[in-house]
Amino acid sequence: MNNNKYSPVWKIVGYSIVVFFAIFTIAPLIWLFYSSFKPHHDIVRNIFSLPTSFYLENFTRVWEVGNMAIYSLNSLFYSTSATVLTTLFAMAGGYALSKFGFKISKLIYGFFSIGLLITVHSVLVPLFIIETKIGIDDTRLGVLIPYIAFGLPFLLFLATAYIRDLPDAVEESAIIDGANYFQVFFKIILPMSIPVVTTMLIFSFLQNWNEFALMFVLTSDKAVRSLPVGINSFAGGRSRDFGLQFASLVIGTFPMIVMYIFFNKQLSKGFSSGAVKE
């Protein structure tokens, strides 16, 4: 029996597409990185030339003038807090919807699934009005609540699909031995769901770290704004210094690249282990 399913021609085509996509993806990042070490006039003179020396003033000016320390700490706070809370709520909701057998479980699940169809931009205006009226606009709480709300539907979808496939016998044995539902959730369900929990944490963190629209509309105080909004301040009419823009982009994208390099296997494993099965 011939185990070779594809002809050499199709293999060449497939590998060529993969190589082209890799170059198309990595080349702009490399260009962005080395351009951040060039002064503005060198970039304007030749945008593709390599830097003649490492011009570190771009980073020092961005860090001082652009309040990057505050923005970075805020991004870390929002991303970590929203990620942990959203993942915990999604796992708890997934456990209840998949194992408790409520008559309205499908209705509740469908209600959350509708949230996958709602975009951030479609609710920005009413959300801003609501937060203004209840007095939580321009606050960290006013940012965290929408972050959790918009991140919950997809994570709940992952959690419910994964927990549904876990064997009921383990949970039933623990309940017979006297464990309550909280003990079952924290000591059995969560440890057995490590692959999907890891996936949810990484996915949610990256999503929250990159979020811009909610932060830009719901906040105006620099003390509560995050890194994407700070990076945006170097673009447009306020600044035409490309060196500063590139340096700020490197500061914002570097943590994501590092995180993906170290956790891409866990992310792939979580999705491939049944997290997206229905």
C-alpha atoms as a PDB file:
ATOM      1  CA  MET A   1       0.000   0.000   0.000  1.00  0.00           C
ATOM      2  CA  ASN A   2       1.357   3.392  -0.973  1.00  0.00           C
ATOM      3  CA  ASN A   3       1.485   5.665   2.096  1.00  0.00           C
ATOM      4  CA  ASN A   4       2.438   8.646  -0.007  1.00  0.00           C
ATOM      5  CA  LYS A   5      -0.913  10.437  -0.414  1.00  0.00           C
ATOM      6  CA  TYR A   6       0.402  13.443  -2.293  1.00  0.00           C
ATOM      7  CA  SER A   7       2.483  13.733  -5.438  1.00  0.00           C
ATOM      8  CA  PRO A   8       5.823  15.596  -5.390  1.00  0.00           C
ATOM      9  CA  VAL A   9       4.251  18.463  -7.334  1.00  0.00           C
ATOM     10  CA  TRP A  10       1.595  19.062  -4.694  1.00  0.00           C
ATOM     11  CA  LYS A  11       4.217  18.834  -1.945  1.00  0.00           C
ATOM     12  CA  ILE A  12       6.284  21.519  -3.678  1.00  0.00           C
ATOM     13  CA  VAL A  13       3.205  23.710  -4.042  1.00  0.00           C
ATOM     14  CA  GLY A  14       2.252  23.183  -0.395  1.00  0.00           C
ATOM     15  CA  TYR A  15       5.726  23.917   0.934  1.00  0.00           C
ATOM     16  CA  SER A  16       6.006  26.965  -1.317  1.00  0.00           C
ATOM     17  CA  ILE A  17       2.768  28.386   0.082  1.00  0.00           C
ATOM     18  CA  VAL A  18       3.943  27.782   3.651  1.00  0.00           C
ATOM     19  CA  VAL A  19       7.339  29.394   2.996  1.00  0.00           C
ATOM     20  CA  PHE A  20       5.719  32.369   1.269  1.00  0.00           C
ATOM     21  CA  PHE A  21       3.292  32.851   4.150  1.00  0.00           C
ATOM     22  CA  ALA A  22       6.134  32.601   6.702  1.00  0.00           C
ATOM     23  CA  ILE A  23       8.206  35.206   4.843  1.00  0.00           C
ATOM     24  CA  PHE A  24       5.171  37.435   4.379  1.00  0.00           C
ATOM     25  CA  THR A  25       4.522  37.264   8.137  1.00  0.00           C
ATOM     26  CA  ILE A  26       8.045  37.492   9.542  1.00  0.00           C
ATOM     27  CA  ALA A  27       9.568  40.043   7.143  1.00  0.00           C
ATOM     28  CA  PRO A  28       7.457  43.017   8.385  1.00  0.00           C
ATOM     29  CA  LEU A  29       8.366  42.178  11.984  1.00  0.00           C
ATOM     30  CA  ILE A  30      12.074  42.111  11.150  1.00  0.00           C
ATOM     31  CA  TRP A  31      11.752  45.400   9.263  1.00  0.00           C
ATOM     32  CA  LEU A  32       9.863  46.970  12.181  1.00  0.00           C
ATOM     33  CA  PHE A  33      12.492  45.811  14.671  1.00  0.00           C
ATOM     34  CA  TYR A  34      15.580  47.131  12.922  1.00  0.00           C
ATOM     35  CA  SER A  35      13.799  50.320  11.812  1.00  0.00           C
ATOM     36  CA  SER A  36      13.085  51.156  15.449  1.00  0.00           C
ATOM     37  CA  PHE A  37      16.849  51.672  15.877  1.00  0.00           C
ATOM     38  CA  LYS A  38      17.008  54.287  13.115  1.00  0.00           C
ATOM     39  CA  PRO A  39      16.394  58.039  13.483  1.00  0.00           C
ATOM     40  CA  HIS A  40      13.495  59.562  11.619  1.00  0.00           C
ATOM     41  CA  HIS A  41      15.558  61.134   8.836  1.00  0.00           C
ATOM     42  CA  ASP A  42      17.269  57.812   8.033  1.00  0.00           C
ATOM     43  CA  ILE A  43      13.899  56.087   7.762  1.00  0.00           C
ATOM     44  CA  VAL A  44      12.544  58.759   5.447  1.00  0.00           C
ATOM     45  CA  ARG A  45      15.697  58.664   3.304  1.00  0.00           C
ATOM     46  CA  ASN A  46      15.562  54.872   2.824  1.00  0.00           C
ATOM     47  CA  ILE A  47      12.877  52.898   4.617  1.00  0.00           C
ATOM     48  CA  PHE A  48      14.463  49.506   3.924  1.00  0.00           C
ATOM     49  CA  SER A  49      18.099  50.277   4.743  1.00  0.00           C
ATOM     50  CA  LEU A  50      19.728  48.697   7.774  1.00  0.00           C
ATOM     51  CA  PRO A  51      20.665  50.990  10.681  1.00  0.00           C
ATOM     52  CA  THR A  52      24.230  52.240  10.623  1.00  0.00           C
ATOM     53  CA  SER A  53      24.225  52.213  14.451  1.00  0.00           C
ATOM     54  CA  PHE A  54      21.828  51.311  17.219  1.00  0.00           C
ATOM     55  CA  TYR A  55      19.926  54.559  17.807  1.00  0.00           C
ATOM     56  CA  LEU A  56      18.509  53.900  21.287  1.00  0.00           C
ATOM     57  CA  GLU A  57      17.156  57.414  21.731  1.00  0.00           C
ATOM     58  CA  ASN A  58      13.891  56.317  20.119  1.00  0.00           C
ATOM     59  CA  PHE A  59      13.188  53.965  23.002  1.00  0.00           C
ATOM     60  CA  THR A  60      14.295  56.344  25.733  1.00  0.00           C
ATOM     61  CA  ARG A  61      12.171  59.184  24.343  1.00  0.00           C
ATOM     62  CA  VAL A  62       9.144  56.927  23.878  1.00  0.00           C
ATOM     63  CA  TRP A  63       9.459  55.601  27.411  1.00  0.00           C
ATOM     64  CA  GLU A  64       9.763  59.063  28.957  1.00  0.00           C
ATOM     65  CA  VAL A  65       7.548  61.243  26.759  1.00  0.00           C
ATOM     66  CA  GLY A  66       4.929  58.618  26.012  1.00  0.00           C
ATOM     67  CA  ASN A  67       4.354  57.459  29.624  1.00  0.00           C
ATOM     68  CA  MET A  68       5.010  53.895  28.515  1.00  0.00           C
ATOM     69  CA  ALA A  69       5.726  52.723  32.057  1.00  0.00           C
ATOM     70  CA  ILE A  70       2.195  53.623  33.193  1.00  0.00           C
ATOM     71  CA  TYR A  71       0.604  52.271  30.028  1.00  0.00           C
ATOM     72  CA  SER A  72       2.543  49.005  30.290  1.00  0.00           C
ATOM     73  CA  LEU A  73       1.575  48.465  33.925  1.00  0.00           C
ATOM     74  CA  ASN A  74      -2.052  49.210  33.104  1.00  0.00           C
ATOM     75  CA  SER A  75      -1.989  46.754  30.201  1.00  0.00           C
ATOM     76  CA  LEU A  76      -0.484  44.104  32.446  1.00  0.00           C
ATOM     77  CA  PHE A  77      -3.144  44.746  35.102  1.00  0.00           C
ATOM     78  CA  TYR A  78      -6.072  44.702  32.676  1.00  0.00           C
ATOM     79  CA  SER A  79      -4.826  41.682  30.746  1.00  0.00           C
ATOM     80  CA  THR A  80      -4.039  39.611  33.834  1.00  0.00           C
ATOM     81  CA  SER A  81      -7.155  40.513  35.817  1.00  0.00           C
ATOM     82  CA  ALA A  82      -9.594  40.150  32.927  1.00  0.00           C
ATOM     83  CA  THR A  83      -7.958  36.919  31.765  1.00  0.00           C
ATOM     84  CA  VAL A  84      -8.089  35.213  35.156  1.00  0.00           C
ATOM     85  CA  LEU A  85     -11.647  36.324  35.925  1.00  0.00           C
ATOM     86  CA  THR A  86     -13.003  35.511  32.469  1.00  0.00           C
ATOM     87  CA  THR A  87     -11.393  32.064  32.477  1.00  0.00           C
ATOM     88  CA  LEU A  88     -12.706  31.301  35.962  1.00  0.00           C
ATOM     89  CA  PHE A  89     -16.244  32.441  35.077  1.00  0.00           C
ATOM     90  CA  ALA A  90     -16.158  30.514  31.792  1.00  0.00           C
ATOM     91  CA  MET A  91     -14.993  27.288  33.462  1.00  0.00           C
ATOM     92  CA  ALA A  92     -17.606  27.606  36.192  1.00  0.00           C
ATOM     93  CA  GLY A  93     -20.323  28.336  33.633  1.00  0.00           C
ATOM     94  CA  GLY A  94     -19.153  25.502  31.399  1.00  0.00           C
ATOM     95  CA  TYR A  95     -19.264  23.098  34.336  1.00  0.00           C
ATOM     96  CA  ALA A  96     -22.809  24.126  35.229  1.00  0.00           C
ATOM     97  CA  LEU A  97     -24.131  24.056  31.667  1.00  0.00           C
ATOM     98  CA  SER A  98     -22.563  20.726  30.737  1.00  0.00           C
ATOM     99  CA  LYS A  99     -22.963  18.692  33.924  1.00  0.00           C
ATOM    100  CA  PHE A 100     -25.895  20.008  35.976  1.00  0.00           C
ATOM    101  CA  GLY A 101     -28.610  19.108  33.484  1.00  0.00           C
ATOM    102  CA  PHE A 102     -30.795  22.204  33.857  1.00  0.00           C
ATOM    103  CA  LYS A 103     -33.827  22.305  31.554  1.00  0.00           C
ATOM    104  CA  ILE A 104     -32.813  25.752  30.367  1.00  0.00           C
ATOM    105  CA  SER A 105     -29.129  24.903  29.908  1.00  0.00           C
ATOM    106  CA  LYS A 106     -29.419  24.948  26.126  1.00  0.00           C
ATOM    107  CA  LEU A 107     -31.272  28.264  26.260  1.00  0.00           C
ATOM    108  CA  ILE A 108     -28.579  29.835  28.452  1.00  0.00           C
ATOM    109  CA  TYR A 109     -25.839  28.371  26.261  1.00  0.00           C
ATOM    110  CA  GLY A 110     -27.554  29.782  23.183  1.00  0.00           C
ATOM    111  CA  PHE A 111     -27.830  33.163  24.875  1.00  0.00           C
ATOM    112  CA  PHE A 112     -24.085  33.249  25.470  1.00  0.00           C
ATOM    113  CA  SER A 113     -23.422  31.965  21.942  1.00  0.00           C
ATOM    114  CA  ILE A 114     -25.228  35.015  20.567  1.00  0.00           C
ATOM    115  CA  GLY A 115     -22.477  37.053  22.213  1.00  0.00           C
ATOM    116  CA  LEU A 116     -20.060  35.643  19.631  1.00  0.00           C
ATOM    117  CA  LEU A 117     -21.964  37.599  16.980  1.00  0.00           C
ATOM    118  CA  ILE A 118     -21.848  40.930  18.807  1.00  0.00           C
ATOM    119  CA  THR A 119     -18.888  43.094  17.844  1.00  0.00           C
ATOM    120  CA  VAL A 120     -17.276  45.653  20.112  1.00  0.00           C
ATOM    121  CA  HIS A 121     -17.827  48.491  17.663  1.00  0.00           C
ATOM    122  CA  SER A 122     -21.590  47.873  17.493  1.00  0.00           C
ATOM    123  CA  VAL A 123     -22.080  48.644  21.202  1.00  0.00           C
ATOM    124  CA  LEU A 124     -19.471  51.312  21.858  1.00  0.00           C
ATOM    125  CA  VAL A 125     -21.917  54.231  21.939  1.00  0.00           C
ATOM    126  CA  PRO A 126     -24.576  52.657  24.211  1.00  0.00           C
ATOM    127  CA  LEU A 127     -21.854  51.203  26.423  1.00  0.00           C
ATOM    128  CA  PHE A 128     -20.246  54.623  26.833  1.00  0.00           C
ATOM    129  CA  ILE A 129     -23.630  56.187  27.691  1.00  0.00           C
ATOM    130  CA  ILE A 130     -24.431  53.489  30.265  1.00  0.00           C
ATOM    131  CA  GLU A 131     -21.052  53.753  31.973  1.00  0.00           C
ATOM    132  CA  THR A 132     -21.308  57.539  32.054  1.00  0.00           C
ATOM    133  CA  LYS A 133     -24.741  57.417  33.682  1.00  0.00           C
ATOM    134  CA  ILE A 134     -23.732  54.925  36.388  1.00  0.00           C
ATOM    135  CA  GLY A 135     -20.440  56.713  37.032  1.00  0.00           C
ATOM    136  CA  ILE A 136     -17.858  54.105  36.104  1.00  0.00           C
ATOM    137  CA  ASP A 137     -16.578  55.748  32.926  1.00  0.00           C
ATOM    138  CA  ASP A 138     -12.868  56.511  32.874  1.00  0.00           C
ATOM    139  CA  THR A 139     -12.228  53.950  35.634  1.00  0.00           C
ATOM    140  CA  ARG A 140     -10.462  50.594  35.732  1.00  0.00           C
ATOM    141  CA  LEU A 141     -13.714  48.887  36.723  1.00  0.00           C
ATOM    142  CA  GLY A 142     -15.394  50.391  33.677  1.00  0.00           C
ATOM    143  CA  VAL A 143     -12.726  48.755  31.529  1.00  0.00           C
ATOM    144  CA  LEU A 144     -12.618  45.345  33.217  1.00  0.00           C
ATOM    145  CA  ILE A 145     -16.367  44.697  33.019  1.00  0.00           C
ATOM    146  CA  PRO A 146     -16.562  45.023  29.196  1.00  0.00           C
ATOM    147  CA  TYR A 147     -13.325  43.054  28.825  1.00  0.00           C
ATOM    148  CA  ILE A 148     -14.853  40.168  30.766  1.00  0.00           C
ATOM    149  CA  ALA A 149     -18.232  40.465  29.027  1.00  0.00           C
ATOM    150  CA  PHE A 150     -16.800  40.347  25.509  1.00  0.00           C
ATOM    151  CA  GLY A 151     -14.295  37.603  26.317  1.00  0.00           C
ATOM    152  CA  LEU A 152     -16.759  35.322  28.100  1.00  0.00           C
ATOM    153  CA  PRO A 153     -18.839  33.918  25.176  1.00  0.00           C
ATOM    154  CA  PHE A 154     -15.938  32.321  23.302  1.00  0.00           C
ATOM    155  CA  LEU A 155     -14.231  31.010  26.441  1.00  0.00           C
ATOM    156  CA  LEU A 156     -17.546  29.612  27.682  1.00  0.00           C
ATOM    157  CA  PHE A 157     -17.938  27.879  24.338  1.00  0.00           C
ATOM    158  CA  LEU A 158     -14.512  26.241  24.755  1.00  0.00           C
ATOM    159  CA  ALA A 159     -15.085  25.310  28.393  1.00  0.00           C
ATOM    160  CA  THR A 160     -18.536  23.808  27.848  1.00  0.00           C
ATOM    161  CA  ALA A 161     -17.421  21.704  24.903  1.00  0.00           C
ATOM    162  CA  TYR A 162     -14.396  20.412  26.813  1.00  0.00           C
ATOM    163  CA  ILE A 163     -16.053  19.699  30.165  1.00  0.00           C
ATOM    164  CA  ARG A 164     -18.960  17.952  28.435  1.00  0.00           C
ATOM    165  CA  ASP A 165     -16.532  15.239  27.279  1.00  0.00           C
ATOM    166  CA  LEU A 166     -15.094  14.631  30.758  1.00  0.00           C
ATOM    167  CA  PRO A 167     -16.290  11.350  32.328  1.00  0.00           C
ATOM    168  CA  ASP A 168     -19.221  11.745  34.715  1.00  0.00           C
ATOM    169  CA  ALA A 169     -18.007   8.846  36.866  1.00  0.00           C
ATOM    170  CA  VAL A 170     -15.204  10.875  38.454  1.00  0.00           C
ATOM    171  CA  GLU A 171     -17.548  13.684  39.459  1.00  0.00           C
ATOM    172  CA  GLU A 172     -20.211  11.280  40.735  1.00  0.00           C
ATOM    173  CA  SER A 173     -17.673   9.370  42.827  1.00  0.00           C
ATOM    174  CA  ALA A 174     -16.482  12.588  44.471  1.00  0.00           C
ATOM    175  CA  ILE A 175     -20.059  13.642  45.277  1.00  0.00           C
ATOM    176  CA  ILE A 176     -20.800  10.206  46.774  1.00  0.00           C
ATOM    177  CA  ASP A 177     -17.701  10.606  48.952  1.00  0.00           C
ATOM    178  CA  GLY A 178     -19.163  13.845  50.341  1.00  0.00           C
ATOM    179  CA  ALA A 179     -17.592  16.518  48.144  1.00  0.00           C
ATOM    180  CA  ASN A 180     -19.724  19.544  47.306  1.00  0.00           C
ATOM    181  CA  TYR A 181     -19.904  21.152  43.880  1.00  0.00           C
ATOM    182  CA  PHE A 182     -17.272  23.766  44.715  1.00  0.00           C
ATOM    183  CA  GLN A 183     -14.814  21.068  45.772  1.00  0.00           C
ATOM    184  CA  VAL A 184     -15.571  19.050  42.644  1.00  0.00           C
ATOM    185  CA  PHE A 185     -15.017  22.108  40.475  1.00  0.00           C
ATOM    186  CA  PHE A 186     -11.727  23.251  42.011  1.00  0.00           C
ATOM    187  CA  LYS A 187     -10.214  19.833  42.810  1.00  0.00           C
ATOM    188  CA  ILE A 188     -11.441  17.706  39.910  1.00  0.00           C
ATOM    189  CA  ILE A 189     -12.831  19.697  36.982  1.00  0.00           C
ATOM    190  CA  LEU A 190     -10.097  22.346  36.846  1.00  0.00           C
ATOM    191  CA  PRO A 191      -7.155  19.908  37.177  1.00  0.00           C
ATOM    192  CA  MET A 192      -8.658  17.671  34.488  1.00  0.00           C
ATOM    193  CA  SER A 193      -9.142  20.688  32.223  1.00  0.00           C
ATOM    194  CA  ILE A 194      -5.565  21.990  32.280  1.00  0.00           C
ATOM    195  CA  PRO A 195      -5.148  21.820  28.460  1.00  0.00           C
ATOM    196  CA  VAL A 196      -8.198  23.961  27.715  1.00  0.00           C
ATOM    197  CA  VAL A 197      -7.562  26.263  30.688  1.00  0.00           C
ATOM    198  CA  THR A 198      -4.066  26.952  29.379  1.00  0.00           C
ATOM    199  CA  THR A 199      -5.471  27.671  25.946  1.00  0.00           C
ATOM    200  CA  MET A 200      -8.100  30.013  27.385  1.00  0.00           C
ATOM    201  CA  LEU A 201      -5.553  31.899  29.487  1.00  0.00           C
ATOM    202  CA  ILE A 202      -3.150  32.468  26.602  1.00  0.00           C
ATOM    203  CA  PHE A 203      -5.858  33.371  24.094  1.00  0.00           C
ATOM    204  CA  SER A 204      -7.627  35.742  26.479  1.00  0.00           C
ATOM    205  CA  PHE A 205      -4.408  37.436  27.600  1.00  0.00           C
ATOM    206  CA  LEU A 206      -3.312  38.171  24.047  1.00  0.00           C
ATOM    207  CA  GLN A 207      -6.777  39.443  23.164  1.00  0.00           C
ATOM    208  CA  ASN A 208      -6.920  41.752  26.170  1.00  0.00           C
ATOM    209  CA  TRP A 209      -3.358  42.981  25.622  1.00  0.00           C
ATOM    210  CA  ASN A 210      -4.204  44.025  22.053  1.00  0.00           C
ATOM    211  CA  GLU A 211      -7.600  45.586  22.796  1.00  0.00           C
ATOM    212  CA  PHE A 212      -7.860  49.185  21.621  1.00  0.00           C
ATOM    213  CA  ALA A 213     -11.415  50.317  20.801  1.00  0.00           C
ATOM    214  CA  LEU A 214     -12.961  49.897  24.255  1.00  0.00           C
ATOM    215  CA  MET A 215      -9.996  51.495  25.979  1.00  0.00           C
ATOM    216  CA  PHE A 216      -9.908  54.433  23.577  1.00  0.00           C
ATOM    217  CA  VAL A 217     -13.628  55.219  23.916  1.00  0.00           C
ATOM    218  CA  LEU A 218     -14.243  54.462  27.596  1.00  0.00           C
ATOM    219  CA  THR A 219     -11.190  56.237  29.030  1.00  0.00           C
ATOM    220  CA  SER A 220      -9.533  59.616  28.715  1.00  0.00           C
ATOM    221  CA  ASP A 221      -7.286  59.738  31.789  1.00  0.00           C
ATOM    222  CA  LYS A 222      -3.718  58.676  30.990  1.00  0.00           C
ATOM    223  CA  ALA A 223      -3.494  57.054  34.422  1.00  0.00           C
ATOM    224  CA  VAL A 224      -5.997  54.350  33.435  1.00  0.00           C
ATOM    225  CA  ARG A 225      -5.218  53.907  29.743  1.00  0.00           C
ATOM    226  CA  SER A 226      -3.324  50.941  28.301  1.00  0.00           C
ATOM    227  CA  LEU A 227      -0.407  50.386  25.955  1.00  0.00           C
ATOM    228  CA  PRO A 228      -2.280  50.233  22.595  1.00  0.00           C
ATOM    229  CA  VAL A 229      -3.771  53.691  23.240  1.00  0.00           C
ATOM    230  CA  GLY A 230      -0.326  54.985  24.216  1.00  0.00           C
ATOM    231  CA  ILE A 231       1.147  53.626  20.994  1.00  0.00           C
ATOM    232  CA  ASN A 232      -1.621  55.278  19.013  1.00  0.00           C
ATOM    233  CA  SER A 233      -0.647  58.656  20.456  1.00  0.00           C
ATOM    234  CA  PHE A 234       2.578  58.533  18.411  1.00  0.00           C
ATOM    235  CA  ALA A 235       0.682  58.142  15.138  1.00  0.00           C
ATOM    236  CA  GLY A 236      -1.209  60.732  13.124  1.00  0.00           C
ATOM    237  CA  GLY A 237      -1.030  64.467  13.616  1.00  0.00           C
ATOM    238  CA  ARG A 238       0.569  64.465  17.038  1.00  0.00           C
ATOM    239  CA  SER A 239       3.844  63.015  15.851  1.00  0.00           C
ATOM    240  CA  ARG A 240       5.441  62.400  12.479  1.00  0.00           C
ATOM    241  CA  ASP A 241       8.536  60.797  13.928  1.00  0.00           C
ATOM    242  CA  PHE A 242       8.584  57.306  12.431  1.00  0.00           C
ATOM    243  CA  GLY A 243      11.412  56.250  14.740  1.00  0.00           C
ATOM    244  CA  LEU A 244       9.254  56.900  17.786  1.00  0.00           C
ATOM    245  CA  GLN A 245       6.292  55.133  16.200  1.00  0.00           C
ATOM    246  CA  PHE A 246       8.330  52.041  15.400  1.00  0.00           C
ATOM    247  CA  ALA A 247       9.922  51.983  18.847  1.00  0.00           C
ATOM    248  CA  SER A 248       6.529  52.163  20.537  1.00  0.00           C
ATOM    249  CA  LEU A 249       5.232  49.352  18.314  1.00  0.00           C
ATOM    250  CA  VAL A 250       8.211  47.172  19.256  1.00  0.00           C
ATOM    251  CA  ILE A 251       7.513  47.770  22.944  1.00  0.00           C
ATOM    252  CA  GLY A 252       3.888  46.768  22.434  1.00  0.00           C
ATOM    253  CA  THR A 253       4.442  43.696  20.237  1.00  0.00           C
ATOM    254  CA  PHE A 254       7.544  42.244  21.900  1.00  0.00           C
ATOM    255  CA  PRO A 255       5.691  40.703  24.898  1.00  0.00           C
ATOM    256  CA  MET A 256       3.189  39.051  22.541  1.00  0.00           C
ATOM    257  CA  ILE A 257       5.914  37.550  20.384  1.00  0.00           C
ATOM    258  CA  VAL A 258       7.787  36.213  23.409  1.00  0.00           C
ATOM    259  CA  MET A 259       4.585  34.781  24.863  1.00  0.00           C
ATOM    260  CA  TYR A 260       3.694  33.064  21.612  1.00  0.00           C
ATOM    261  CA  ILE A 261       7.192  31.591  21.232  1.00  0.00           C
ATOM    262  CA  PHE A 262       7.030  29.993  24.680  1.00  0.00           C
ATOM    263  CA  PHE A 263       3.359  28.976  24.721  1.00  0.00           C
ATOM    264  CA  ASN A 264       2.418  28.199  21.105  1.00  0.00           C
ATOM    265  CA  LYS A 265       2.591  24.435  21.755  1.00  0.00           C
ATOM    266  CA  GLN A 266       0.249  24.718  24.734  1.00  0.00           C
ATOM    267  CA  LEU A 267      -2.120  26.860  22.682  1.00  0.00           C
ATOM    268  CA  SER A 268      -2.194  24.353  19.824  1.00  0.00           C
ATOM    269  CA  LYS A 269      -2.534  21.438  22.206  1.00  0.00           C
ATOM    270  CA  GLY A 270      -5.530  22.992  23.937  1.00  0.00           C
ATOM    271  CA  PHE A 271      -7.395  23.552  20.673  1.00  0.00           C
ATOM    272  CA  SER A 272      -6.547  20.121  19.292  1.00  0.00           C
ATOM    273  CA  SER A 273      -7.459  18.163  22.443  1.00  0.00           C
ATOM    274  CA  GLY A 274     -11.173  18.536  21.858  1.00  0.00           C
ATOM    275  CA  ALA A 275     -11.736  22.072  23.067  1.00  0.00           C
ATOM    276  CA  VAL A 276     -13.598  23.060  19.930  1.00  0.00           C
ATOM    277  CA  LYS A 277     -15.611  19.898  19.481  1.00  0.00           C
ATOM    278  CA  GLU A 278     -19.354  20.053  19.577  1.00  0.00           C
END
